[in-house]
Amino acid sequence: MAAVKGAGSVTVTYNSNNITAYVNSASIAASIAELDTTDLASTAMEYIPGLADFTVSLEAPNWDATLDGYIMPDLLTPAQRTLAIAYSDGTNTVTYTWTTASFLTAGTLSAEATGLVSLSGISVRGNGAPSRAVS
Protein backbone atom coordinates (compact mmCIF):
# COMPACT_ATOMS: atom_id res chain seq x y z
CA MET A 1 0.00 0.00 0.00
CA ALA A 2 1.37 3.40 -1.00
CA ALA A 3 1.70 6.15 1.57
CA VAL A 4 -0.88 8.91 1.25
CA LYS A 5 0.60 12.29 0.50
CA GLY A 6 -0.51 15.25 2.65
CA ALA A 7 -0.30 18.79 1.25
CA GLY A 8 -1.02 19.00 -2.45
CA SER A 9 -2.89 15.70 -2.57
CA VAL A 10 -6.16 17.23 -3.81
CA THR A 11 -6.97 19.60 -6.66
CA VAL A 12 -10.43 21.15 -6.99
CA THR A 13 -11.67 22.85 -10.15
CA TYR A 14 -15.09 24.52 -10.19
CA ASN A 15 -16.47 26.03 -13.40
CA SER A 16 -12.98 25.73 -14.96
CA ASN A 17 -11.46 27.75 -12.06
CA ASN A 18 -8.82 26.12 -9.88
CA ILE A 19 -10.03 26.81 -6.31
CA THR A 20 -7.57 24.46 -4.59
CA ALA A 21 -5.73 27.31 -2.83
CA TYR A 22 -8.95 28.36 -1.03
CA VAL A 23 -10.22 24.91 0.00
CA ASN A 24 -8.86 22.89 2.92
CA SER A 25 -11.05 19.82 2.46
CA ALA A 26 -12.91 18.17 -0.39
CA SER A 27 -14.99 15.02 -0.16
CA ILE A 28 -17.21 13.08 -2.51
CA ALA A 29 -20.16 11.30 -0.93
CA ALA A 30 -21.80 8.62 -3.04
CA SER A 31 -24.90 6.70 -2.16
CA ILE A 32 -26.72 3.99 -4.09
CA ALA A 33 -30.50 3.81 -4.07
CA GLU A 34 -31.89 0.48 -2.88
CA LEU A 35 -34.83 -0.70 -4.95
CA ASP A 36 -37.27 -2.98 -3.16
CA THR A 37 -38.01 -6.09 -5.24
CA THR A 38 -39.85 -7.99 -2.52
CA ASP A 39 -42.86 -9.92 -3.80
CA LEU A 40 -45.42 -12.27 -2.29
CA ALA A 41 -43.09 -15.27 -2.76
CA SER A 42 -40.24 -13.59 -0.82
CA THR A 43 -39.26 -14.92 2.59
CA ALA A 44 -37.49 -11.66 3.53
CA MET A 45 -36.99 -8.21 2.07
CA GLU A 46 -35.19 -8.27 -1.30
CA TYR A 47 -33.36 -5.41 -2.98
CA ILE A 48 -31.35 -4.54 -6.09
CA PRO A 49 -29.01 -1.58 -6.53
CA GLY A 50 -30.49 1.51 -8.10
CA LEU A 51 -28.91 4.74 -9.26
CA ALA A 52 -25.99 6.52 -7.63
CA ASP A 53 -26.30 9.96 -6.02
CA PHE A 54 -23.21 12.20 -5.67
CA THR A 55 -22.62 15.19 -3.40
CA VAL A 56 -19.31 17.02 -3.12
CA SER A 57 -18.53 18.90 0.10
CA LEU A 58 -15.93 21.67 0.28
CA GLU A 59 -14.65 23.75 3.20
CA ALA A 60 -12.91 27.11 2.78
CA PRO A 61 -12.07 28.46 6.25
CA ASN A 62 -10.01 31.39 4.93
CA TRP A 63 -12.45 33.44 2.89
CA ASP A 64 -11.11 35.30 -0.12
CA ALA A 65 -12.88 37.69 -2.49
CA THR A 66 -11.78 35.59 -5.48
CA LEU A 67 -13.40 32.45 -4.06
CA ASP A 68 -16.47 34.49 -3.14
CA GLY A 69 -16.67 35.54 -6.80
CA TYR A 70 -16.68 31.91 -7.93
CA ILE A 71 -19.13 30.52 -5.37
CA MET A 72 -21.57 33.16 -4.12
CA PRO A 73 -23.04 34.21 -7.52
CA ASP A 74 -24.04 30.57 -8.10
CA LEU A 75 -25.70 30.40 -4.68
CA LEU A 76 -27.62 33.60 -5.44
CA THR A 77 -28.58 32.52 -8.97
CA PRO A 78 -28.16 28.75 -9.43
CA ALA A 79 -26.25 27.72 -12.52
CA GLN A 80 -25.01 24.44 -13.94
CA ARG A 81 -21.22 24.11 -13.85
CA THR A 82 -18.32 21.76 -14.41
CA LEU A 83 -16.60 20.20 -11.40
CA ALA A 84 -13.41 18.16 -11.11
CA ILE A 85 -11.64 16.77 -8.06
CA ALA A 86 -8.29 15.04 -8.38
CA TYR A 87 -6.84 12.97 -5.54
CA SER A 88 -3.15 12.03 -5.58
CA ASP A 89 -0.86 9.91 -3.40
CA GLY A 90 2.23 11.34 -5.08
CA THR A 91 2.47 8.43 -7.53
CA ASN A 92 -1.02 8.05 -8.95
CA THR A 93 -3.80 10.56 -9.50
CA VAL A 94 -7.50 9.74 -9.75
CA THR A 95 -9.73 12.48 -11.15
CA TYR A 96 -13.51 12.58 -10.88
CA THR A 97 -15.11 14.97 -13.35
CA TRP A 98 -18.66 16.15 -13.90
CA THR A 99 -18.61 17.94 -17.26
CA THR A 100 -22.10 19.39 -17.18
CA ALA A 101 -24.98 20.15 -14.89
CA SER A 102 -23.35 20.18 -11.45
CA PHE A 103 -24.77 22.89 -9.23
CA LEU A 104 -24.29 24.37 -5.77
CA THR A 105 -26.89 23.33 -3.22
CA ALA A 106 -25.53 25.00 -0.05
CA GLY A 107 -22.89 27.32 1.35
CA THR A 108 -22.49 29.38 4.51
CA LEU A 109 -20.63 32.68 4.58
CA SER A 110 -19.84 33.55 8.20
CA ALA A 111 -17.58 35.67 10.39
CA GLU A 112 -16.94 36.35 14.03
CA ALA A 113 -15.95 39.73 15.46
CA THR A 114 -12.44 38.48 16.24
CA GLY A 115 -12.18 35.58 13.81
CA LEU A 116 -11.69 34.83 10.16
CA VAL A 117 -14.37 35.12 7.52
CA SER A 118 -15.14 31.66 6.19
CA LEU A 119 -17.14 30.05 3.44
CA SER A 120 -18.15 26.65 4.77
CA GLY A 121 -20.64 23.91 4.08
CA ILE A 122 -20.20 24.30 0.33
CA SER A 123 -22.19 21.50 -1.21
CA VAL A 124 -22.23 20.68 -4.91
CA ARG A 125 -24.62 18.19 -6.46
CA GLY A 126 -22.69 16.09 -8.95
CA ASN A 127 -25.48 15.64 -11.47
CA GLY A 128 -25.14 12.19 -13.02
CA ALA A 129 -22.14 9.91 -12.67
CA PRO A 130 -18.66 11.43 -12.91
CA SER A 131 -16.04 10.23 -15.31
CA ARG A 132 -13.08 8.63 -13.49
CA ALA A 133 -9.57 8.89 -14.90
CA VAL A 134 -6.37 7.41 -13.46
CA SER A 135 -2.97 8.79 -14.35
C-alpha atoms as a PDB file:
ATOM      1  CA  MET A   1       0.000   0.000   0.000  1.00  0.00           C
ATOM      2  CA  ALA A   2       1.370   3.398  -0.995  1.00  0.00           C
ATOM      3  CA  ALA A   3       1.699   6.149   1.572  1.00  0.00           C
ATOM      4  CA  VAL A   4      -0.878   8.910   1.246  1.00  0.00           C
ATOM      5  CA  LYS A   5       0.595  12.291   0.500  1.00  0.00           C
ATOM      6  CA  GLY A   6      -0.513  15.254   2.653  1.00  0.00           C
ATOM      7  CA  ALA A   7      -0.305  18.786   1.252  1.00  0.00           C
ATOM      8  CA  GLY A   8      -1.019  18.999  -2.453  1.00  0.00           C
ATOM      9  CA  SER A   9      -2.894  15.701  -2.569  1.00  0.00           C
ATOM     10  CA  VAL A  10      -6.157  17.228  -3.805  1.00  0.00           C
ATOM     11  CA  THR A  11      -6.974  19.602  -6.660  1.00  0.00           C
ATOM     12  CA  VAL A  12     -10.434  21.155  -6.987  1.00  0.00           C
ATOM     13  CA  THR A  13     -11.672  22.851 -10.155  1.00  0.00           C
ATOM     14  CA  TYR A  14     -15.092  24.521 -10.192  1.00  0.00           C
ATOM     15  CA  ASN A  15     -16.474  26.029 -13.400  1.00  0.00           C
ATOM     16  CA  SER A  16     -12.981  25.730 -14.959  1.00  0.00           C
ATOM     17  CA  ASN A  17     -11.461  27.753 -12.063  1.00  0.00           C
ATOM     18  CA  ASN A  18      -8.823  26.124  -9.875  1.00  0.00           C
ATOM     19  CA  ILE A  19     -10.028  26.807  -6.312  1.00  0.00           C
ATOM     20  CA  THR A  20      -7.569  24.465  -4.589  1.00  0.00           C
ATOM     21  CA  ALA A  21      -5.733  27.309  -2.826  1.00  0.00           C
ATOM     22  CA  TYR A  22      -8.948  28.357  -1.034  1.00  0.00           C
ATOM     23  CA  VAL A  23     -10.220  24.911  -0.001  1.00  0.00           C
ATOM     24  CA  ASN A  24      -8.862  22.893   2.923  1.00  0.00           C
ATOM     25  CA  SER A  25     -11.047  19.816   2.458  1.00  0.00           C
ATOM     26  CA  ALA A  26     -12.914  18.165  -0.387  1.00  0.00           C
ATOM     27  CA  SER A  27     -14.990  15.022  -0.157  1.00  0.00           C
ATOM     28  CA  ILE A  28     -17.213  13.084  -2.510  1.00  0.00           C
ATOM     29  CA  ALA A  29     -20.157  11.300  -0.927  1.00  0.00           C
ATOM     30  CA  ALA A  30     -21.801   8.624  -3.037  1.00  0.00           C
ATOM     31  CA  SER A  31     -24.900   6.698  -2.158  1.00  0.00           C
ATOM     32  CA  ILE A  32     -26.716   3.988  -4.091  1.00  0.00           C
ATOM     33  CA  ALA A  33     -30.503   3.809  -4.066  1.00  0.00           C
ATOM     34  CA  GLU A  34     -31.891   0.484  -2.877  1.00  0.00           C
ATOM     35  CA  LEU A  35     -34.833  -0.698  -4.951  1.00  0.00           C
ATOM     36  CA  ASP A  36     -37.265  -2.981  -3.158  1.00  0.00           C
ATOM     37  CA  THR A  37     -38.010  -6.088  -5.236  1.00  0.00           C
ATOM     38  CA  THR A  38     -39.846  -7.992  -2.523  1.00  0.00           C
ATOM     39  CA  ASP A  39     -42.856  -9.921  -3.802  1.00  0.00           C
ATOM     40  CA  LEU A  40     -45.417 -12.274  -2.285  1.00  0.00           C
ATOM     41  CA  ALA A  41     -43.094 -15.271  -2.763  1.00  0.00           C
ATOM     42  CA  SER A  42     -40.243 -13.592  -0.819  1.00  0.00           C
ATOM     43  CA  THR A  43     -39.261 -14.920   2.591  1.00  0.00           C
ATOM     44  CA  ALA A  44     -37.493 -11.664   3.528  1.00  0.00           C
ATOM     45  CA  MET A  45     -36.986  -8.208   2.066  1.00  0.00           C
ATOM     46  CA  GLU A  46     -35.187  -8.270  -1.300  1.00  0.00           C
ATOM     47  CA  TYR A  47     -33.359  -5.414  -2.984  1.00  0.00           C
ATOM     48  CA  ILE A  48     -31.354  -4.543  -6.086  1.00  0.00           C
ATOM     49  CA  PRO A  49     -29.008  -1.582  -6.528  1.00  0.00           C
ATOM     50  CA  GLY A  50     -30.489   1.510  -8.105  1.00  0.00           C
ATOM     51  CA  LEU A  51     -28.906   4.736  -9.262  1.00  0.00           C
ATOM     52  CA  ALA A  52     -25.986   6.523  -7.625  1.00  0.00           C
ATOM     53  CA  ASP A  53     -26.296   9.955  -6.018  1.00  0.00           C
ATOM     54  CA  PHE A  54     -23.206  12.198  -5.671  1.00  0.00           C
ATOM     55  CA  THR A  55     -22.618  15.187  -3.396  1.00  0.00           C
ATOM     56  CA  VAL A  56     -19.311  17.017  -3.122  1.00  0.00           C
ATOM     57  CA  SER A  57     -18.533  18.905   0.100  1.00  0.00           C
ATOM     58  CA  LEU A  58     -15.932  21.665   0.283  1.00  0.00           C
ATOM     59  CA  GLU A  59     -14.649  23.746   3.203  1.00  0.00           C
ATOM     60  CA  ALA A  60     -12.912  27.114   2.778  1.00  0.00           C
ATOM     61  CA  PRO A  61     -12.073  28.457   6.247  1.00  0.00           C
ATOM     62  CA  ASN A  62     -10.010  31.388   4.935  1.00  0.00           C
ATOM     63  CA  TRP A  63     -12.451  33.442   2.887  1.00  0.00           C
ATOM     64  CA  ASP A  64     -11.110  35.299  -0.123  1.00  0.00           C
ATOM     65  CA  ALA A  65     -12.885  37.693  -2.486  1.00  0.00           C
ATOM     66  CA  THR A  66     -11.783  35.590  -5.477  1.00  0.00           C
ATOM     67  CA  LEU A  67     -13.399  32.455  -4.063  1.00  0.00           C
ATOM     68  CA  ASP A  68     -16.471  34.489  -3.145  1.00  0.00           C
ATOM     69  CA  GLY A  69     -16.669  35.539  -6.800  1.00  0.00           C
ATOM     70  CA  TYR A  70     -16.684  31.910  -7.932  1.00  0.00           C
ATOM     71  CA  ILE A  71     -19.132  30.518  -5.366  1.00  0.00           C
ATOM     72  CA  MET A  72     -21.574  33.157  -4.121  1.00  0.00           C
ATOM     73  CA  PRO A  73     -23.039  34.213  -7.516  1.00  0.00           C
ATOM     74  CA  ASP A  74     -24.041  30.573  -8.098  1.00  0.00           C
ATOM     75  CA  LEU A  75     -25.697  30.399  -4.683  1.00  0.00           C
ATOM     76  CA  LEU A  76     -27.624  33.600  -5.441  1.00  0.00           C
ATOM     77  CA  THR A  77     -28.584  32.518  -8.965  1.00  0.00           C
ATOM     78  CA  PRO A  78     -28.156  28.749  -9.429  1.00  0.00           C
ATOM     79  CA  ALA A  79     -26.251  27.717 -12.524  1.00  0.00           C
ATOM     80  CA  GLN A  80     -25.014  24.441 -13.940  1.00  0.00           C
ATOM     81  CA  ARG A  81     -21.224  24.111 -13.847  1.00  0.00           C
ATOM     82  CA  THR A  82     -18.323  21.757 -14.406  1.00  0.00           C
ATOM     83  CA  LEU A  83     -16.604  20.196 -11.398  1.00  0.00           C
ATOM     84  CA  ALA A  84     -13.414  18.157 -11.106  1.00  0.00           C
ATOM     85  CA  ILE A  85     -11.640  16.765  -8.062  1.00  0.00           C
ATOM     86  CA  ALA A  86      -8.286  15.045  -8.378  1.00  0.00           C
ATOM     87  CA  TYR A  87      -6.839  12.973  -5.538  1.00  0.00           C
ATOM     88  CA  SER A  88      -3.148  12.031  -5.575  1.00  0.00           C
ATOM     89  CA  ASP A  89      -0.859   9.909  -3.405  1.00  0.00           C
ATOM     90  CA  GLY A  90       2.226  11.341  -5.082  1.00  0.00           C
ATOM     91  CA  THR A  91       2.474   8.430  -7.525  1.00  0.00           C
ATOM     92  CA  ASN A  92      -1.023   8.052  -8.951  1.00  0.00           C
ATOM     93  CA  THR A  93      -3.799  10.562  -9.498  1.00  0.00           C
ATOM     94  CA  VAL A  94      -7.495   9.740  -9.754  1.00  0.00           C
ATOM     95  CA  THR A  95      -9.727  12.482 -11.146  1.00  0.00           C
ATOM     96  CA  TYR A  96     -13.510  12.576 -10.881  1.00  0.00           C
ATOM     97  CA  THR A  97     -15.114  14.974 -13.351  1.00  0.00           C
ATOM     98  CA  TRP A  98     -18.662  16.151 -13.904  1.00  0.00           C
ATOM     99  CA  THR A  99     -18.607  17.941 -17.256  1.00  0.00           C
ATOM    100  CA  THR A 100     -22.103  19.392 -17.184  1.00  0.00           C
ATOM    101  CA  ALA A 101     -24.983  20.154 -14.892  1.00  0.00           C
ATOM    102  CA  SER A 102     -23.348  20.183 -11.447  1.00  0.00           C
ATOM    103  CA  PHE A 103     -24.769  22.894  -9.226  1.00  0.00           C
ATOM    104  CA  LEU A 104     -24.290  24.369  -5.773  1.00  0.00           C
ATOM    105  CA  THR A 105     -26.894  23.333  -3.217  1.00  0.00           C
ATOM    106  CA  ALA A 106     -25.530  25.003  -0.054  1.00  0.00           C
ATOM    107  CA  GLY A 107     -22.890  27.316   1.351  1.00  0.00           C
ATOM    108  CA  THR A 108     -22.493  29.382   4.514  1.00  0.00           C
ATOM    109  CA  LEU A 109     -20.627  32.685   4.583  1.00  0.00           C
ATOM    110  CA  SER A 110     -19.839  33.546   8.196  1.00  0.00           C
ATOM    111  CA  ALA A 111     -17.582  35.672  10.386  1.00  0.00           C
ATOM    112  CA  GLU A 112     -16.940  36.350  14.029  1.00  0.00           C
ATOM    113  CA  ALA A 113     -15.947  39.727  15.460  1.00  0.00           C
ATOM    114  CA  THR A 114     -12.438  38.484  16.243  1.00  0.00           C
ATOM    115  CA  GLY A 115     -12.179  35.579  13.810  1.00  0.00           C
ATOM    116  CA  LEU A 116     -11.688  34.827  10.162  1.00  0.00           C
ATOM    117  CA  VAL A 117     -14.367  35.123   7.522  1.00  0.00           C
ATOM    118  CA  SER A 118     -15.139  31.663   6.190  1.00  0.00           C
ATOM    119  CA  LEU A 119     -17.140  30.045   3.445  1.00  0.00           C
ATOM    120  CA  SER A 120     -18.154  26.646   4.767  1.00  0.00           C
ATOM    121  CA  GLY A 121     -20.644  23.911   4.076  1.00  0.00           C
ATOM    122  CA  ILE A 122     -20.196  24.304   0.332  1.00  0.00           C
ATOM    123  CA  SER A 123     -22.186  21.505  -1.213  1.00  0.00           C
ATOM    124  CA  VAL A 124     -22.232  20.684  -4.915  1.00  0.00           C
ATOM    125  CA  ARG A 125     -24.619  18.192  -6.462  1.00  0.00           C
ATOM    126  CA  GLY A 126     -22.694  16.092  -8.950  1.00  0.00           C
ATOM    127  CA  ASN A 127     -25.482  15.638 -11.469  1.00  0.00           C
ATOM    128  CA  GLY A 128     -25.141  12.192 -13.020  1.00  0.00           C
ATOM    129  CA  ALA A 129     -22.140   9.912 -12.670  1.00  0.00           C
ATOM    130  CA  PRO A 130     -18.663  11.431 -12.907  1.00  0.00           C
ATOM    131  CA  SER A 131     -16.036  10.234 -15.313  1.00  0.00           C
ATOM    132  CA  ARG A 132     -13.084   8.632 -13.494  1.00  0.00           C
ATOM    133  CA  ALA A 133      -9.575   8.890 -14.899  1.00  0.00           C
ATOM    134  CA  VAL A 134      -6.371   7.405 -13.458  1.00  0.00           C
ATOM    135  CA  SER A 135      -2.971   8.795 -14.345  1.00  0.00           C
END
